[in-house]
C-alpha atoms as a PDB file:
ATOM      1  CA  MET A   1       0.146   0.468  -0.140  1.00  0.00           C
ATOM      2  CA  THR A   2       1.272   3.371  -0.795  1.00  0.00           C
ATOM      3  CA  ILE A   3       2.456   5.523   1.872  1.00  0.00           C
ATOM      4  CA  HIS A   4       1.310   9.951   0.985  1.00  0.00           C
ATOM      5  CA  HIS A   5       2.650  13.144   2.207  1.00  0.00           C
ATOM      6  CA  THR A   6      -0.365  15.574   2.876  1.00  0.00           C
ATOM      7  CA  LYS A   7      -1.651  18.092   5.138  1.00  0.00           C
ATOM      8  CA  GLY A   8      -4.831  18.072   7.068  1.00  0.00           C
ATOM      9  CA  ILE A   9      -6.919  20.273   9.466  1.00  0.00           C
ATOM     10  CA  VAL A  10      -8.807  17.788  12.327  1.00  0.00           C
ATOM     11  CA  LEU A  11     -12.388  18.170  12.229  1.00  0.00           C
ATOM     12  CA  ARG A  12     -13.630  15.613  14.959  1.00  0.00           C
ATOM     13  CA  THR A  13     -12.137  13.006  17.513  1.00  0.00           C
ATOM     14  CA  VAL A  14     -13.224  10.137  18.645  1.00  0.00           C
ATOM     15  CA  LYS A  15     -11.917   7.869  21.222  1.00  0.00           C
ATOM     16  CA  TYR A  16     -12.250   3.989  19.993  1.00  0.00           C
ATOM     17  CA  GLY A  17     -11.069   1.031  22.259  1.00  0.00           C
ATOM     18  CA  GLU A  18      -9.282   1.719  25.529  1.00  0.00           C
ATOM     19  CA  THR A  19      -6.404   4.027  23.925  1.00  0.00           C
ATOM     20  CA  SER A  20      -6.916   4.653  20.282  1.00  0.00           C
ATOM     21  CA  VAL A  21      -8.959   7.502  18.349  1.00  0.00           C
ATOM     22  CA  ILE A  22     -10.798   7.725  15.301  1.00  0.00           C
ATOM     23  CA  VAL A  23     -10.051  10.953  13.687  1.00  0.00           C
ATOM     24  CA  THR A  24     -12.113  13.312  10.862  1.00  0.00           C
ATOM     25  CA  ILE A  25      -9.618  14.926   8.810  1.00  0.00           C
ATOM     26  CA  TYR A  26     -10.084  17.263   5.837  1.00  0.00           C
ATOM     27  CA  THR A  27      -6.694  16.629   3.798  1.00  0.00           C
ATOM     28  CA  GLU A  28      -4.971  18.537   1.055  1.00  0.00           C
ATOM     29  CA  LEU A  29      -4.829  15.595  -1.255  1.00  0.00           C
ATOM     30  CA  PHE A  30      -7.862  13.321  -0.647  1.00  0.00           C
ATOM     31  CA  GLY A  31     -10.425  15.424   1.203  1.00  0.00           C
ATOM     32  CA  ILE A  32     -12.200  14.746   4.142  1.00  0.00           C
ATOM     33  CA  GLN A  33     -11.288  11.492   5.616  1.00  0.00           C
ATOM     34  CA  SER A  34     -11.482   8.866   8.619  1.00  0.00           C
ATOM     35  CA  TYR A  35      -8.352   7.692  10.535  1.00  0.00           C
ATOM     36  CA  LEU A  36      -7.734   5.048  12.497  1.00  0.00           C
ATOM     37  CA  VAL A  37      -5.256   5.844  14.930  1.00  0.00           C
ATOM     38  CA  ASN A  38      -3.964   3.884  17.688  1.00  0.00           C
ATOM     39  CA  GLY A  39      -2.149   4.324  21.663  1.00  0.00           C
ATOM     40  CA  VAL A  40      -2.230   8.028  21.649  1.00  0.00           C
ATOM     41  CA  ARG A  41      -4.392   7.470  24.387  1.00  0.00           C
ATOM     42  CA  SER A  42      -2.229   5.448  26.711  1.00  0.00           C
ATOM     43  CA  SER A  43      -0.627   7.622  30.000  1.00  0.00           C
ATOM     44  CA  SER A  44       2.914   5.409  28.349  1.00  0.00           C
ATOM     45  CA  LYS A  45       5.912   7.825  27.044  1.00  0.00           C
ATOM     46  CA  LYS A  46       5.285   6.300  23.269  1.00  0.00           C
ATOM     47  CA  GLY A  47       1.294   8.191  23.720  1.00  0.00           C
ATOM     48  CA  SER A  48       1.826  11.032  25.880  1.00  0.00           C
ATOM     49  CA  GLY A  49       0.673  14.489  24.789  1.00  0.00           C
ATOM     50  CA  LYS A  50      -0.267  12.602  21.145  1.00  0.00           C
ATOM     51  CA  ALA A  51      -3.781  12.543  21.831  1.00  0.00           C
ATOM     52  CA  ASN A  52      -3.847  16.713  22.056  1.00  0.00           C
ATOM     53  CA  MET A  53      -3.012  16.900  18.728  1.00  0.00           C
ATOM     54  CA  PHE A  54      -6.463  16.053  17.551  1.00  0.00           C
ATOM     55  CA  GLN A  55      -7.936  18.754  19.057  1.00  0.00           C
ATOM     56  CA  PRO A  56     -10.039  20.254  16.177  1.00  0.00           C
ATOM     57  CA  ALA A  57      -9.127  22.800  13.873  1.00  0.00           C
ATOM     58  CA  ALA A  58      -5.440  21.466  14.552  1.00  0.00           C
ATOM     59  CA  ILE A  59      -3.089  21.764  10.999  1.00  0.00           C
ATOM     60  CA  LEU A  60      -1.226  18.420  10.776  1.00  0.00           C
ATOM     61  CA  ASP A  61       1.536  17.041   8.467  1.00  0.00           C
ATOM     62  CA  MET A  62       1.263  13.850   7.893  1.00  0.00           C
ATOM     63  CA  GLN A  63       2.042  10.349   6.577  1.00  0.00           C
ATOM     64  CA  VAL A  64      -0.772   8.594   5.424  1.00  0.00           C
ATOM     65  CA  TYR A  65      -2.105   5.221   4.055  1.00  0.00           C
ATOM     66  CA  HIS A  66      -4.304   5.432   1.365  1.00  0.00           C
ATOM     67  CA  ASN A  67      -7.153   2.479   0.110  1.00  0.00           C
ATOM     68  CA  GLU A  68      -9.786   4.067  -2.223  1.00  0.00           C
ATOM     69  CA  LEU A  69     -11.759   0.681  -0.634  1.00  0.00           C
ATOM     70  CA  LYS A  70     -11.867   1.679   2.350  1.00  0.00           C
ATOM     71  CA  ASN A  71     -13.840   3.947   4.711  1.00  0.00           C
ATOM     72  CA  LEU A  72     -11.309   3.854   7.471  1.00  0.00           C
ATOM     73  CA  GLN A  73      -7.576   4.618   6.642  1.00  0.00           C
ATOM     74  CA  ARG A  74      -3.845   4.911   8.910  1.00  0.00           C
ATOM     75  CA  ILE A  75      -2.060   7.299   9.488  1.00  0.00           C
ATOM     76  CA  LYS A  76       1.936   6.355   9.014  1.00  0.00           C
ATOM     77  CA  GLU A  77       3.126   9.394  11.090  1.00  0.00           C
ATOM     78  CA  PHE A  78       1.978  12.740  12.490  1.00  0.00           C
ATOM     79  CA  ARG A  79       3.313  16.397  13.614  1.00  0.00           C
ATOM     80  CA  TRP A  80       2.539  19.986  13.878  1.00  0.00           C
ATOM     81  CA  ALA A  81       2.429  21.811  10.484  1.00  0.00           C
ATOM     82  CA  PHE A  82       1.950  24.324  12.234  1.00  0.00           C
ATOM     83  CA  ILE A  83       1.649  25.446  16.012  1.00  0.00           C
ATOM     84  CA  TYR A  84      -0.801  27.954  16.834  1.00  0.00           C
ATOM     85  CA  GLN A  85      -0.048  30.971  19.581  1.00  0.00           C
ATOM     86  CA  HIS A  86      -3.541  31.533  20.396  1.00  0.00           C
ATOM     87  CA  ILE A  87      -6.490  29.315  19.293  1.00  0.00           C
ATOM     88  CA  PHE A  88      -6.412  26.275  21.695  1.00  0.00           C
ATOM     89  CA  PHE A  89      -5.964  29.042  24.546  1.00  0.00           C
ATOM     90  CA  ASP A  90      -7.802  32.112  24.218  1.00  0.00           C
ATOM     91  CA  VAL A  91     -11.643  31.996  24.570  1.00  0.00           C
ATOM     92  CA  VAL A  92     -12.972  34.230  21.911  1.00  0.00           C
ATOM     93  CA  LYS A  93     -10.733  32.585  18.983  1.00  0.00           C
ATOM     94  CA  ASN A  94     -11.223  29.183  20.377  1.00  0.00           C
ATOM     95  CA  ALA A  95     -15.037  29.325  19.987  1.00  0.00           C
ATOM     96  CA  ALA A  96     -14.409  31.108  16.064  1.00  0.00           C
ATOM     97  CA  ALA A  97     -12.459  28.316  15.328  1.00  0.00           C
ATOM     98  CA  LEU A  98     -14.989  25.568  16.696  1.00  0.00           C
ATOM     99  CA  PHE A  99     -17.883  27.440  14.625  1.00  0.00           C
ATOM    100  CA  MET A 100     -15.700  27.588  11.926  1.00  0.00           C
ATOM    101  CA  VAL A 101     -14.850  23.487  12.177  1.00  0.00           C
ATOM    102  CA  GLU A 102     -18.529  23.372  12.630  1.00  0.00           C
ATOM    103  CA  LEU A 103     -19.651  24.667   9.279  1.00  0.00           C
ATOM    104  CA  LEU A 104     -16.793  22.170   7.802  1.00  0.00           C
ATOM    105  CA  GLN A 105     -18.121  19.193   9.533  1.00  0.00           C
ATOM    106  CA  LYS A 106     -21.640  19.640   8.210  1.00  0.00           C
ATOM    107  CA  THR A 107     -20.767  20.695   4.410  1.00  0.00           C
ATOM    108  CA  LEU A 108     -17.280  18.645   3.388  1.00  0.00           C
ATOM    109  CA  LYS A 109     -19.295  15.750   2.262  1.00  0.00           C
ATOM    110  CA  GLN A 110     -17.267  13.896  -0.289  1.00  0.00           C
ATOM    111  CA  PRO A 111     -13.708  12.366   0.027  1.00  0.00           C
ATOM    112  CA  GLU A 112     -12.338  15.009  -3.291  1.00  0.00           C
ATOM    113  CA  SER A 113      -9.465  16.403  -3.052  1.00  0.00           C
ATOM    114  CA  ASN A 114      -9.660  20.720  -3.333  1.00  0.00           C
ATOM    115  CA  PRO A 115      -6.272  21.988  -2.915  1.00  0.00           C
ATOM    116  CA  ASP A 116      -7.965  25.106  -3.222  1.00  0.00           C
ATOM    117  CA  LEU A 117     -10.400  24.953  -0.746  1.00  0.00           C
ATOM    118  CA  TYR A 118      -8.213  23.082   1.195  1.00  0.00           C
ATOM    119  CA  HIS A 119      -5.483  26.480   1.159  1.00  0.00           C
ATOM    120  CA  PHE A 120      -8.175  28.924   1.578  1.00  0.00           C
ATOM    121  CA  ILE A 121      -9.503  26.965   5.400  1.00  0.00           C
ATOM    122  CA  GLU A 122      -5.618  26.768   6.016  1.00  0.00           C
ATOM    123  CA  ASP A 123      -5.160  30.417   5.137  1.00  0.00           C
ATOM    124  CA  ALA A 124      -8.426  31.178   7.354  1.00  0.00           C
ATOM    125  CA  PHE A 125      -7.007  29.254  10.516  1.00  0.00           C
ATOM    126  CA  LEU A 126      -4.093  31.309  10.150  1.00  0.00           C
ATOM    127  CA  HIS A 127      -5.200  34.161  10.224  1.00  0.00           C
ATOM    128  CA  LEU A 128      -7.918  33.619  12.854  1.00  0.00           C
ATOM    129  CA  ASP A 129      -5.269  32.458  15.068  1.00  0.00           C
ATOM    130  CA  GLU A 130      -2.778  35.968  14.104  1.00  0.00           C
ATOM    131  CA  ALA A 131      -6.236  38.351  14.438  1.00  0.00           C
ATOM    132  CA  LYS A 132      -6.488  41.286  16.613  1.00  0.00           C
ATOM    133  CA  GLY A 133      -9.533  43.742  17.930  1.00  0.00           C
ATOM    134  CA  GLN A 134     -12.886  43.301  15.169  1.00  0.00           C
ATOM    135  CA  ALA A 135     -11.462  41.323  13.434  1.00  0.00           C
ATOM    136  CA  ILE A 136     -11.471  38.306  15.600  1.00  0.00           C
ATOM    137  CA  ALA A 137     -15.845  38.920  16.385  1.00  0.00           C
ATOM    138  CA  ASN A 138     -16.211  39.317  12.550  1.00  0.00           C
ATOM    139  CA  PHE A 139     -13.849  35.942  11.418  1.00  0.00           C
ATOM    140  CA  PRO A 140     -16.882  33.880  11.460  1.00  0.00           C
ATOM    141  CA  LEU A 141     -18.993  35.889   9.290  1.00  0.00           C
ATOM    142  CA  PHE A 142     -16.082  36.296   6.659  1.00  0.00           C
ATOM    143  CA  PHE A 143     -15.202  32.610   6.837  1.00  0.00           C
ATOM    144  CA  ALA A 144     -19.089  31.773   6.478  1.00  0.00           C
ATOM    145  CA  LEU A 145     -19.535  33.945   3.752  1.00  0.00           C
ATOM    146  CA  HIS A 146     -16.524  33.652   1.828  1.00  0.00           C
ATOM    147  CA  LEU A 147     -16.958  29.269   1.956  1.00  0.00           C
ATOM    148  CA  ALA A 148     -19.982  29.334   0.297  1.00  0.00           C
ATOM    149  CA  THR A 149     -18.461  31.116  -2.374  1.00  0.00           C
ATOM    150  CA  ILE A 150     -15.896  28.383  -3.186  1.00  0.00           C
ATOM    151  CA  TYR A 151     -18.298  25.309  -2.477  1.00  0.00           C
ATOM    152  CA  GLY A 152     -20.243  27.409  -5.378  1.00  0.00           C
ATOM    153  CA  PHE A 153     -23.580  28.711  -3.875  1.00  0.00           C
ATOM    154  CA  ARG A 154     -22.402  32.019  -3.193  1.00  0.00           C
ATOM    155  CA  LEU A 155     -24.499  35.385  -2.867  1.00  0.00           C
ATOM    156  CA  ASN A 156     -23.830  37.593  -5.467  1.00  0.00           C
ATOM    157  CA  ASP A 157     -22.901  41.169  -4.659  1.00  0.00           C
ATOM    158  CA  ASP A 158     -24.921  43.013  -6.083  1.00  0.00           C
ATOM    159  CA  TYR A 159     -26.151  44.762  -3.523  1.00  0.00           C
ATOM    160  CA  THR A 160     -27.434  48.949  -4.102  1.00  0.00           C
ATOM    161  CA  ALA A 161     -29.748  51.468  -2.579  1.00  0.00           C
ATOM    162  CA  ASN A 162     -31.404  50.122  -4.934  1.00  0.00           C
ATOM    163  CA  THR A 163     -31.572  46.294  -3.919  1.00  0.00           C
ATOM    164  CA  PRO A 164     -31.550  46.590  -0.202  1.00  0.00           C
ATOM    165  CA  TYR A 165     -32.997  43.097   0.355  1.00  0.00           C
ATOM    166  CA  LEU A 166     -30.475  40.132   0.519  1.00  0.00           C
ATOM    167  CA  ASP A 167     -32.681  37.016  -0.281  1.00  0.00           C
ATOM    168  CA  LEU A 168     -31.513  34.512   1.463  1.00  0.00           C
ATOM    169  CA  GLN A 169     -33.374  31.397  -0.996  1.00  0.00           C
ATOM    170  CA  GLU A 170     -32.125  33.074  -4.026  1.00  0.00           C
ATOM    171  CA  GLY A 171     -28.828  33.979  -2.636  1.00  0.00           C
ATOM    172  CA  ALA A 172     -28.951  37.725  -4.144  1.00  0.00           C
ATOM    173  CA  PHE A 173     -29.864  41.379  -3.429  1.00  0.00           C
ATOM    174  CA  THR A 174     -33.319  42.279  -4.362  1.00  0.00           C
ATOM    175  CA  ALA A 175     -35.593  45.449  -4.811  1.00  0.00           C
ATOM    176  CA  GLU A 176     -38.856  43.805  -3.292  1.00  0.00           C
ATOM    177  CA  HIS A 177     -39.864  42.503  -0.570  1.00  0.00           C
ATOM    178  CA  PRO A 178     -39.215  38.947  -0.601  1.00  0.00           C
ATOM    179  CA  VAL A 179     -42.607  36.596   0.216  1.00  0.00           C
ATOM    180  CA  HIS A 180     -40.854  34.224   2.383  1.00  0.00           C
ATOM    181  CA  PRO A 181     -39.273  34.961   5.668  1.00  0.00           C
ATOM    182  CA  HIS A 182     -35.425  34.178   4.634  1.00  0.00           C
ATOM    183  CA  PHE A 183     -34.202  37.533   3.898  1.00  0.00           C
ATOM    184  CA  LEU A 184     -32.064  40.377   5.605  1.00  0.00           C
ATOM    185  CA  GLY A 185     -33.122  43.766   5.419  1.00  0.00           C
ATOM    186  CA  MET A 186     -31.267  46.987   5.495  1.00  0.00           C
ATOM    187  CA  PRO A 187     -28.225  47.592   7.358  1.00  0.00           C
ATOM    188  CA  TYR A 188     -27.551  43.699   7.165  1.00  0.00           C
ATOM    189  CA  SER A 189     -27.266  43.644   3.575  1.00  0.00           C
ATOM    190  CA  TYR A 190     -24.990  46.699   3.352  1.00  0.00           C
ATOM    191  CA  ILE A 191     -22.842  44.969   5.929  1.00  0.00           C
ATOM    192  CA  THR A 192     -23.134  41.934   4.196  1.00  0.00           C
ATOM    193  CA  SER A 193     -22.302  43.726   1.239  1.00  0.00           C
ATOM    194  CA  GLN A 194     -18.964  44.887   2.527  1.00  0.00           C
ATOM    195  CA  LEU A 195     -18.138  41.440   4.331  1.00  0.00           C
ATOM    196  CA  LEU A 196     -17.877  39.765   0.453  1.00  0.00           C
ATOM    197  CA  LYS A 197     -15.752  42.397  -0.602  1.00  0.00           C
ATOM    198  CA  VAL A 198     -13.414  41.275   1.935  1.00  0.00           C
ATOM    199  CA  MET A 199     -10.328  40.121   0.507  1.00  0.00           C
ATOM    200  CA  GLN A 200      -7.524  40.427   3.392  1.00  0.00           C
ATOM    201  CA  PRO A 201      -9.122  38.972   6.510  1.00  0.00           C
ATOM    202  CA  GLN A 202      -6.945  42.171   8.727  1.00  0.00           C
ATOM    203  CA  GLU A 203     -10.104  44.327   6.845  1.00  0.00           C
ATOM    204  CA  LEU A 204     -12.457  43.312   9.105  1.00  0.00           C
ATOM    205  CA  ASN A 205     -10.979  45.673  11.544  1.00  0.00           C
ATOM    206  CA  GLU A 206     -12.084  48.324   9.496  1.00  0.00           C
ATOM    207  CA  ILE A 207     -16.296  47.217   9.897  1.00  0.00           C
ATOM    208  CA  PRO A 208     -17.353  47.924  13.562  1.00  0.00           C
ATOM    209  CA  LEU A 209     -20.206  45.262  14.624  1.00  0.00           C
ATOM    210  CA  ASN A 210     -22.141  45.344  17.582  1.00  0.00           C
ATOM    211  CA  GLN A 211     -23.014  42.199  19.525  1.00  0.00           C
ATOM    212  CA  GLU A 212     -26.743  41.808  18.315  1.00  0.00           C
ATOM    213  CA  THR A 213     -25.787  42.944  14.643  1.00  0.00           C
ATOM    214  CA  ARG A 214     -23.210  39.902  14.423  1.00  0.00           C
ATOM    215  CA  ARG A 215     -26.245  38.009  16.079  1.00  0.00           C
ATOM    216  CA  ILE A 216     -28.760  39.082  13.369  1.00  0.00           C
ATOM    217  CA  LEU A 217     -26.106  38.636  10.225  1.00  0.00           C
ATOM    218  CA  LEU A 218     -24.705  34.786  11.821  1.00  0.00           C
ATOM    219  CA  GLN A 219     -28.529  33.548  12.149  1.00  0.00           C
ATOM    220  CA  GLY A 220     -28.664  35.160   8.508  1.00  0.00           C
ATOM    221  CA  TYR A 221     -25.594  32.764   7.337  1.00  0.00           C
ATOM    222  CA  GLN A 222     -26.901  29.566   9.432  1.00  0.00           C
ATOM    223  CA  THR A 223     -30.093  30.053   7.395  1.00  0.00           C
ATOM    224  CA  PHE A 224     -28.418  30.520   3.967  1.00  0.00           C
ATOM    225  CA  TYR A 225     -26.625  27.576   4.577  1.00  0.00           C
ATOM    226  CA  ALA A 226     -29.278  25.331   5.747  1.00  0.00           C
ATOM    227  CA  LEU A 227     -31.526  26.652   2.614  1.00  0.00           C
ATOM    228  CA  HIS A 228     -28.604  25.229   0.517  1.00  0.00           C
ATOM    229  CA  VAL A 229     -26.920  22.387   2.062  1.00  0.00           C
ATOM    230  CA  PRO A 230     -29.184  19.274   2.428  1.00  0.00           C
ATOM    231  CA  ASP A 231     -29.458  18.065   5.887  1.00  0.00           C
ATOM    232  CA  PHE A 232     -27.912  21.176   7.483  1.00  0.00           C
ATOM    233  CA  GLY A 233     -29.663  21.461  10.531  1.00  0.00           C
ATOM    234  CA  ILE A 234     -28.350  24.092  13.274  1.00  0.00           C
ATOM    235  CA  LEU A 235     -25.106  24.707  14.087  1.00  0.00           C
ATOM    236  CA  LYS A 236     -24.201  23.492  17.783  1.00  0.00           C
ATOM    237  CA  THR A 237     -21.124  25.865  18.156  1.00  0.00           C
ATOM    238  CA  LEU A 238     -23.530  29.013  17.586  1.00  0.00           C
ATOM    239  CA  PRO A 239     -24.969  30.134  20.757  1.00  0.00           C
ATOM    240  CA  VAL A 240     -21.542  28.756  22.259  1.00  0.00           C
ATOM    241  CA  LEU A 241     -20.066  31.891  20.204  1.00  0.00           C
ATOM    242  CA  GLN A 242     -22.686  34.419  20.392  1.00  0.00           C
ATOM    243  CA  GLU A 243     -22.645  33.981  24.368  1.00  0.00           C
ATOM    244  CA  VAL A 244     -18.517  34.284  24.530  1.00  0.00           C
ATOM    245  CA  LEU A 245     -18.853  37.798  21.658  1.00  0.00           C
ATOM    246  CA  SER A 246     -20.747  39.528  24.204  1.00  0.00           C
END
């Protein structure tokens, strides 16, 4: 069986047996994959400290065995590809990272390679780790909007003063008040347009939003995903994020 070198972002870890874990990782080479990792939860010298490398949002450098016919793969070797300075320790950044991870869990279904998507996600976590001020609280909004663009069900940024309603069902700004309840009016449609124009995460510092505005926007974007992704449901991390941001 061939060994491949790939980076990956940890999305979920489940205990398995006495000392093992099953880890869901979004990999650069193979898209979303599940790996059985033995012995990382043991108190022996070999296992000590290894389990914390499989925290959600961790970015790993891995040598993996890959068999197209299997649902569960194995990792030969793994190490940090990048060590965060803040995400695992800072309450606000951690809440934002876990929101991003859950959004990925709910939207990444097929095990197919998409290097552009992988690099966008990795880049987003690295920027979140470095973010300061307003940018931290605005980051989940930025991530949710730009992730949808890569998936191909983007919101068209055609906002004008004459099209002040953001129809979340159609993914477009409209002149008419939609007949269904899934829309954002002013000022939320305008702010969404501003967030869609952000190219570099540090620009998020220039969009001052209060807690209530962020809450309404995050609820709106959750609705947008639920309308476009089958079986999306609701984000369990959203109330936690809103609590931390208050």
